Amino acid sequence: MHVLMITQKVDSTDDILGFTVDWVSALAEHVEKLDVLTSYIGQYDLPNNVTLYSFGKEKGYSKARRVLSFERHCIEAVRRGIDAVFAHMIPHYVIAGWPWFRSAGVPVTLWYAHSSVEWHLKVAHRLADRVVTATEGSFRLPSDKLSVLGHGIDTNTFAPNGSSTDRRLALGVGRLDPVKRFETLVGAIEVLDTRGIDAKLQIVGAPSGDEAYVEELYETVESQGLTDLVEFVGAVPHEEVVLKYQRAGVFLNDSATGSLDKTEVEAMASGTPVVSSNDSYVDMVHDSDLNASRLTFPSGDPAALADRLESIFELNDAEYRSLCQRSREVARDRHDVRALMSNLASRL
């Protein structure tokens, strides 16, 4: 099978989209030839049956020129005899390329995993032959085209490494944006500090465009005297963030999306227990034999999150190791990238 994959960026050093290189490599194992059309080409190491095509962002092309380049590459891909199209995350790719793919009878599969439902998603959903997503909560349109395939984590990379773990170090990963609600995590550390319980928090992620939120977050940490307990690390390349997961004793998430966050699965695969308020995570915990009362909390409740952290800190070494191991098993069994791409290839 000759597949065209369309994605935003191919760059293993990118802090948000670096995982795409893992996806391309895994999908290439299941197809004869894989062409990848992307807005930006950075650093990568990919199999020989993969060919990259860029519509020019890394070359400094204007938006109008990138649009024209995209259309030209779609036409050329059809002429090369592609058998299927896999559009990753951006509904506009389906809409813009659909006339060429439709005219050639090439089926289009859209991957979409986000809580937002905009007009372009509705249009792309109508045009696409199939839709795939990570979890039940990751695609909010009713659809008879939908398959749920997991998040697609490289569980060989995101894995325990046997290094020393700081059990009192909590970790949060993501852009500093209001939807991530990092203030809840900071508040939990403040509550533990008032209780005289030793705990620290690292937040990994670049500031978002919401400068007021970022400034307020920084000011909260400073005004509450938490500068020795809360560290803002900044952006970390995707290929290096695993070291943060491996070092941390627990991963925290209070994202407002409600869908299972990819960072939660990366942490679990790395052997780091996750405490989260996300509805999809709560569902996954209840669907496994993990302890929901310890690993979930009401959204926006720093005191409840502090209680969960205190509960984890009180585990003995054997209990903690068992929790870490089971967390990894759940992530590996449900969200491994090789399983996802095998299932995807059979549906293209």
Protein backbone atom coordinates (compact mmCIF):
# COMPACT_ATOMS: atom_id res chain seq x y z
CA MET A 1 0.00 0.00 0.00
CA HIS A 2 1.18 3.51 -0.89
CA VAL A 3 -0.05 6.00 1.74
CA LEU A 4 0.05 9.79 1.94
CA MET A 5 0.18 11.10 5.51
CA ILE A 6 -0.46 14.82 6.02
CA THR A 7 0.70 16.35 9.28
CA GLN A 8 1.75 19.66 10.80
CA LYS A 9 5.40 19.10 11.57
CA VAL A 10 8.10 16.44 11.36
CA ASP A 11 10.73 17.39 13.91
CA SER A 12 11.84 15.13 16.76
CA THR A 13 13.05 18.14 18.79
CA ASP A 14 9.65 19.87 18.91
CA ASP A 15 8.22 19.94 22.44
CA ILE A 16 4.62 19.42 21.30
CA LEU A 17 4.74 17.62 17.94
CA GLY A 18 7.99 15.66 18.26
CA PHE A 19 5.99 12.43 18.67
CA THR A 20 4.98 12.63 15.00
CA VAL A 21 8.34 11.14 14.02
CA ASP A 22 7.47 8.07 16.13
CA TRP A 23 4.12 7.82 14.36
CA VAL A 24 5.65 8.04 10.90
CA SER A 25 8.21 5.34 11.75
CA ALA A 26 5.54 3.03 13.17
CA LEU A 27 3.14 3.49 10.25
CA ALA A 28 5.98 2.88 7.78
CA GLU A 29 6.29 -0.66 9.17
CA HIS A 30 2.82 -1.49 7.86
CA VAL A 31 2.86 0.02 4.36
CA GLU A 32 4.99 -0.46 1.28
CA LYS A 33 5.58 3.25 0.75
CA LEU A 34 4.78 6.25 2.94
CA ASP A 35 4.80 9.82 1.62
CA VAL A 36 4.56 12.49 4.32
CA LEU A 37 3.34 15.98 3.43
CA THR A 38 4.02 18.47 6.19
CA SER A 39 4.14 22.19 6.83
CA TYR A 40 7.58 22.00 8.44
CA ILE A 41 10.53 19.60 8.21
CA GLY A 42 13.07 19.68 11.03
CA GLN A 43 15.18 16.88 12.52
CA TYR A 44 14.23 13.26 11.93
CA ASP A 45 15.48 9.71 11.53
CA LEU A 46 13.03 7.71 9.43
CA PRO A 47 12.90 4.40 7.51
CA ASN A 48 13.94 4.20 3.86
CA ASN A 49 10.37 3.75 2.62
CA VAL A 50 9.41 7.22 3.89
CA THR A 51 9.64 10.32 1.66
CA LEU A 52 9.04 13.79 3.09
CA TYR A 53 7.48 16.68 1.23
CA SER A 54 7.12 20.17 2.72
CA PHE A 55 4.74 22.94 1.80
CA GLY A 56 7.33 25.38 2.97
CA LYS A 57 7.05 26.84 6.46
CA GLU A 58 10.67 26.07 7.30
CA LYS A 59 11.64 27.81 4.04
CA GLY A 60 9.87 31.00 5.06
CA TYR A 61 7.03 30.68 2.55
CA SER A 62 4.08 33.04 3.02
CA LYS A 63 0.72 31.55 4.01
CA ALA A 64 -0.62 32.02 0.48
CA ARG A 65 2.39 30.29 -1.03
CA ARG A 66 2.06 27.41 1.46
CA VAL A 67 -1.56 26.94 0.44
CA LEU A 68 -0.59 26.75 -3.23
CA SER A 69 2.28 24.39 -2.40
CA PHE A 70 -0.10 22.15 -0.44
CA GLU A 71 -2.50 21.90 -3.38
CA ARG A 72 0.35 21.16 -5.79
CA HIS A 73 1.69 18.39 -3.56
CA CYS A 74 -1.77 16.83 -3.28
CA ILE A 75 -2.11 16.73 -7.06
CA GLU A 76 1.37 15.24 -7.42
CA ALA A 77 0.61 12.62 -4.74
CA VAL A 78 -2.47 11.50 -6.69
CA ARG A 79 -0.37 11.26 -9.83
CA ARG A 80 2.16 9.09 -7.97
CA GLY A 81 -0.66 6.59 -7.41
CA ILE A 82 -1.32 6.79 -3.69
CA ASP A 83 -3.83 4.29 -2.34
CA ALA A 84 -4.97 6.13 0.80
CA VAL A 85 -4.65 9.41 2.69
CA PHE A 86 -4.16 9.77 6.45
CA ALA A 87 -4.76 13.36 7.59
CA HIS A 88 -3.40 13.94 11.07
CA MET A 89 -5.28 16.30 13.40
CA ILE A 90 -5.97 19.24 11.05
CA PRO A 91 -9.45 19.11 9.45
CA HIS A 92 -8.44 21.77 6.92
CA TYR A 93 -6.10 19.21 5.31
CA VAL A 94 -9.10 17.04 4.47
CA ILE A 95 -11.12 19.96 3.12
CA ALA A 96 -8.31 21.43 0.99
CA GLY A 97 -7.17 18.12 -0.48
CA TRP A 98 -10.54 16.44 -0.84
CA PRO A 99 -11.31 17.49 -4.47
CA TRP A 100 -8.10 15.85 -5.73
CA PHE A 101 -8.42 12.75 -3.56
CA ARG A 102 -12.12 12.35 -4.36
CA SER A 103 -11.59 12.68 -8.11
CA ALA A 104 -9.03 9.88 -7.97
CA GLY A 105 -11.14 7.64 -5.71
CA VAL A 106 -8.56 7.77 -2.90
CA PRO A 107 -10.09 7.17 0.57
CA VAL A 108 -9.33 9.70 3.30
CA THR A 109 -8.97 8.94 7.01
CA LEU A 110 -8.93 11.80 9.52
CA TRP A 111 -7.27 11.58 12.93
CA TYR A 112 -8.75 14.05 15.40
CA ALA A 113 -8.33 14.07 19.18
CA HIS A 114 -9.53 17.28 20.77
CA SER A 115 -12.56 18.49 22.68
CA SER A 116 -13.29 21.42 20.37
CA VAL A 117 -15.89 21.05 17.62
CA GLU A 118 -15.55 23.81 15.01
CA TRP A 119 -17.20 24.19 11.61
CA HIS A 120 -14.13 22.88 9.79
CA LEU A 121 -14.25 19.65 11.80
CA LYS A 122 -17.90 19.16 10.87
CA VAL A 123 -17.10 19.69 7.18
CA ALA A 124 -14.03 17.42 7.28
CA HIS A 125 -16.06 14.74 9.04
CA ARG A 126 -18.62 14.75 6.24
CA LEU A 127 -15.90 14.54 3.58
CA ALA A 128 -13.67 11.92 5.21
CA ASP A 129 -14.32 8.24 4.61
CA ARG A 130 -13.19 7.28 8.11
CA VAL A 131 -12.30 9.01 11.38
CA VAL A 132 -9.96 7.71 14.07
CA THR A 133 -9.27 9.10 17.53
CA ALA A 134 -7.54 8.33 20.83
CA THR A 135 -10.41 7.79 23.30
CA GLU A 136 -14.20 7.97 23.43
CA GLY A 137 -13.96 11.52 24.80
CA SER A 138 -11.47 12.74 22.20
CA PHE A 139 -14.00 13.15 19.38
CA ARG A 140 -17.19 14.98 20.31
CA LEU A 141 -19.23 14.58 17.10
CA PRO A 142 -21.65 11.64 16.82
CA SER A 143 -20.26 9.46 14.04
CA ASP A 144 -20.69 6.04 12.47
CA LYS A 145 -17.28 6.53 10.81
CA LEU A 146 -15.35 6.58 14.10
CA SER A 147 -12.79 4.08 15.44
CA VAL A 148 -11.05 4.52 18.83
CA LEU A 149 -7.41 3.41 18.60
CA GLY A 150 -5.55 4.82 21.63
CA HIS A 151 -3.07 7.66 21.95
CA GLY A 152 -0.13 6.07 20.16
CA ILE A 153 2.73 6.38 22.67
CA ASP A 154 6.13 4.85 21.98
CA THR A 155 6.18 2.70 25.10
CA ASN A 156 9.74 1.59 24.35
CA THR A 157 10.90 5.19 24.70
CA PHE A 158 8.45 6.18 27.43
CA ALA A 159 9.46 3.48 29.88
CA PRO A 160 11.04 3.23 33.34
CA ASN A 161 14.81 3.38 33.21
CA GLY A 162 15.64 2.15 36.70
CA SER A 163 17.02 5.54 37.72
CA SER A 164 16.37 7.16 41.07
CA THR A 165 12.86 8.58 41.42
CA ASP A 166 12.03 11.48 43.73
CA ARG A 167 8.73 10.32 45.20
CA ARG A 168 8.01 13.78 46.60
CA LEU A 169 8.43 15.45 43.19
CA ALA A 170 5.20 16.09 41.29
CA LEU A 171 5.22 16.91 37.58
CA GLY A 172 2.91 18.80 35.23
CA VAL A 173 3.51 19.00 31.47
CA GLY A 174 1.86 21.29 28.92
CA ARG A 175 1.67 24.81 27.60
CA LEU A 176 1.08 27.42 30.30
CA ASP A 177 -2.50 28.06 29.27
CA PRO A 178 -5.73 28.55 31.26
CA VAL A 179 -7.19 25.30 29.90
CA LYS A 180 -4.41 23.37 31.68
CA ARG A 181 -5.35 24.85 35.08
CA PHE A 182 -1.84 24.67 36.54
CA GLU A 183 -3.07 26.88 39.37
CA THR A 184 -4.74 23.81 40.87
CA LEU A 185 -1.39 22.00 40.95
CA VAL A 186 0.32 25.00 42.53
CA GLY A 187 -2.51 25.26 45.07
CA ALA A 188 -2.07 21.62 46.07
CA ILE A 189 1.62 22.21 46.80
CA GLU A 190 0.65 25.22 48.92
CA VAL A 191 -1.84 23.10 50.89
CA LEU A 192 0.78 20.42 51.52
CA ASP A 193 3.25 23.09 52.63
CA THR A 194 0.77 24.41 55.22
CA ARG A 195 0.35 20.83 56.46
CA GLY A 196 4.11 20.55 56.89
CA ILE A 197 4.39 17.88 54.17
CA ASP A 198 7.45 17.98 51.94
CA ALA A 199 6.55 18.15 48.22
CA LYS A 200 7.81 19.93 45.14
CA LEU A 201 6.35 20.61 41.71
CA GLN A 202 7.98 20.90 38.30
CA ILE A 203 5.99 22.40 35.43
CA VAL A 204 7.35 21.64 31.97
CA GLY A 205 6.03 23.70 29.08
CA ALA A 206 6.38 26.96 27.20
CA PRO A 207 4.20 29.97 27.99
CA SER A 208 1.10 30.25 25.81
CA GLY A 209 -0.14 33.40 24.15
CA ASP A 210 -2.19 34.26 27.25
CA GLU A 211 0.37 36.50 28.93
CA ALA A 212 -2.01 37.55 31.70
CA TYR A 213 -2.54 33.94 32.79
CA VAL A 214 1.18 33.16 32.74
CA GLU A 215 2.00 36.30 34.72
CA GLU A 216 -0.70 35.50 37.27
CA LEU A 217 0.65 31.98 37.68
CA TYR A 218 4.18 33.28 38.30
CA GLU A 219 2.90 35.91 40.73
CA THR A 220 0.91 33.32 42.69
CA VAL A 221 4.00 31.19 43.22
CA GLU A 222 6.01 34.20 44.35
CA SER A 223 3.35 35.81 46.56
CA GLN A 224 2.61 32.52 48.36
CA GLY A 225 6.30 31.94 49.08
CA LEU A 226 6.49 28.82 46.89
CA THR A 227 9.50 29.72 44.73
CA ASP A 228 11.58 26.98 46.40
CA LEU A 229 8.83 24.42 45.89
CA VAL A 230 7.53 25.18 42.36
CA GLU A 231 9.85 25.24 39.35
CA PHE A 232 8.92 26.39 35.86
CA VAL A 233 11.24 24.45 33.56
CA GLY A 234 10.07 25.83 30.22
CA ALA A 235 9.80 23.87 26.98
CA VAL A 236 11.64 20.55 26.77
CA PRO A 237 12.19 18.68 23.46
CA HIS A 238 9.88 15.69 23.05
CA GLU A 239 12.80 13.26 22.93
CA GLU A 240 14.04 14.53 26.33
CA VAL A 241 10.79 14.94 28.27
CA VAL A 242 10.82 11.24 29.16
CA LEU A 243 13.63 12.03 31.61
CA LYS A 244 11.27 14.34 33.48
CA TYR A 245 8.63 11.62 33.72
CA GLN A 246 11.17 9.07 34.93
CA ARG A 247 12.48 11.39 37.63
CA ALA A 248 9.08 12.45 39.01
CA GLY A 249 7.24 10.46 41.65
CA VAL A 250 3.77 11.44 40.45
CA PHE A 251 2.22 13.22 37.46
CA LEU A 252 -0.63 15.72 37.89
CA ASN A 253 -3.28 16.94 35.46
CA ASP A 254 -6.30 19.19 35.84
CA SER A 255 -6.87 20.05 32.19
CA ALA A 256 -10.31 21.43 31.37
CA THR A 257 -10.71 19.47 28.13
CA GLY A 258 -12.15 16.40 29.84
CA SER A 259 -10.45 14.10 27.34
CA LEU A 260 -7.49 11.90 28.19
CA ASP A 261 -4.31 13.94 27.79
CA LYS A 262 -1.43 12.36 25.87
CA THR A 263 0.96 13.51 28.60
CA GLU A 264 -0.96 11.41 31.13
CA VAL A 265 -0.36 8.29 29.04
CA GLU A 266 3.31 9.18 28.51
CA ALA A 267 3.74 9.48 32.27
CA MET A 268 2.01 6.15 32.93
CA ALA A 269 4.10 4.41 30.27
CA SER A 270 7.19 5.81 31.99
CA GLY A 271 6.11 4.13 35.22
CA THR A 272 4.91 7.32 36.88
CA PRO A 273 1.51 7.25 38.62
CA VAL A 274 -0.99 9.85 37.42
CA VAL A 275 -3.48 11.83 39.50
CA SER A 276 -6.01 13.56 37.26
CA SER A 277 -9.47 15.10 37.13
CA ASN A 278 -10.06 14.41 33.44
CA ASP A 279 -13.28 12.52 32.74
CA SER A 280 -11.65 10.13 30.27
CA TYR A 281 -8.86 9.36 32.73
CA VAL A 282 -11.43 8.74 35.46
CA ASP A 283 -13.23 6.34 33.13
CA MET A 284 -9.99 4.51 32.32
CA VAL A 285 -9.10 4.15 35.99
CA HIS A 286 -12.54 2.77 36.82
CA ASP A 287 -12.22 0.38 33.87
CA SER A 288 -8.96 -1.02 35.23
CA ASP A 289 -7.95 -2.19 38.67
CA LEU A 290 -6.25 1.07 39.59
CA ASN A 291 -7.37 2.85 42.77
CA ALA A 292 -9.77 5.58 41.65
CA SER A 293 -10.07 7.15 45.09
CA ARG A 294 -6.31 7.72 45.14
CA LEU A 295 -5.72 8.67 41.49
CA THR A 296 -8.66 10.96 40.68
CA PHE A 297 -9.93 14.20 42.20
CA PRO A 298 -12.63 16.85 41.61
CA SER A 299 -11.50 19.41 39.07
CA GLY A 300 -10.28 22.72 40.45
CA ASP A 301 -9.93 21.42 44.03
CA PRO A 302 -6.34 21.91 45.31
CA ALA A 303 -7.16 20.49 48.76
CA ALA A 304 -8.51 17.27 47.27
CA LEU A 305 -5.45 16.98 45.03
CA ALA A 306 -3.24 17.51 48.08
CA ASP A 307 -5.10 14.67 49.81
CA ARG A 308 -4.37 12.35 46.86
CA LEU A 309 -0.69 13.30 46.88
CA GLU A 310 -0.47 12.68 50.60
CA SER A 311 -2.05 9.26 50.08
CA ILE A 312 0.57 8.35 47.47
CA PHE A 313 3.40 9.62 49.66
CA GLU A 314 2.19 7.29 52.44
CA LEU A 315 2.50 4.14 50.30
CA ASN A 316 5.31 1.80 51.29
CA ASP A 317 7.94 0.95 48.67
CA ALA A 318 6.28 -2.29 47.56
CA GLU A 319 2.86 -0.62 47.20
CA TYR A 320 4.36 2.27 45.26
CA ARG A 321 6.28 -0.04 42.89
CA SER A 322 3.10 -2.01 42.26
CA LEU A 323 1.21 1.20 41.41
CA CYS A 324 3.97 2.27 39.01
CA GLN A 325 4.03 -1.12 37.30
CA ARG A 326 0.27 -1.32 36.89
CA SER A 327 0.12 2.24 35.54
CA ARG A 328 2.64 1.29 32.86
CA GLU A 329 0.75 -1.89 31.96
CA VAL A 330 -2.47 0.04 31.38
CA ALA A 331 -0.71 2.59 29.14
CA ARG A 332 1.16 -0.08 27.18
CA ASP A 333 -1.86 -2.31 26.67
CA ARG A 334 -4.20 0.47 25.52
CA HIS A 335 -2.07 3.18 23.93
CA ASP A 336 1.07 1.75 22.31
CA VAL A 337 2.01 3.37 18.98
CA ARG A 338 2.77 0.05 17.26
CA ALA A 339 -0.69 -1.32 18.06
CA LEU A 340 -2.30 1.94 16.95
CA MET A 341 -0.52 1.97 13.59
CA SER A 342 -1.25 -1.69 12.96
CA ASN A 343 -4.96 -1.02 13.54
CA LEU A 344 -4.83 2.18 11.51
CA ALA A 345 -3.15 0.54 8.51
CA SER A 346 -5.89 -2.09 8.40
CA ARG A 347 -8.51 0.68 8.18
CA LEU A 348 -6.94 2.97 5.55
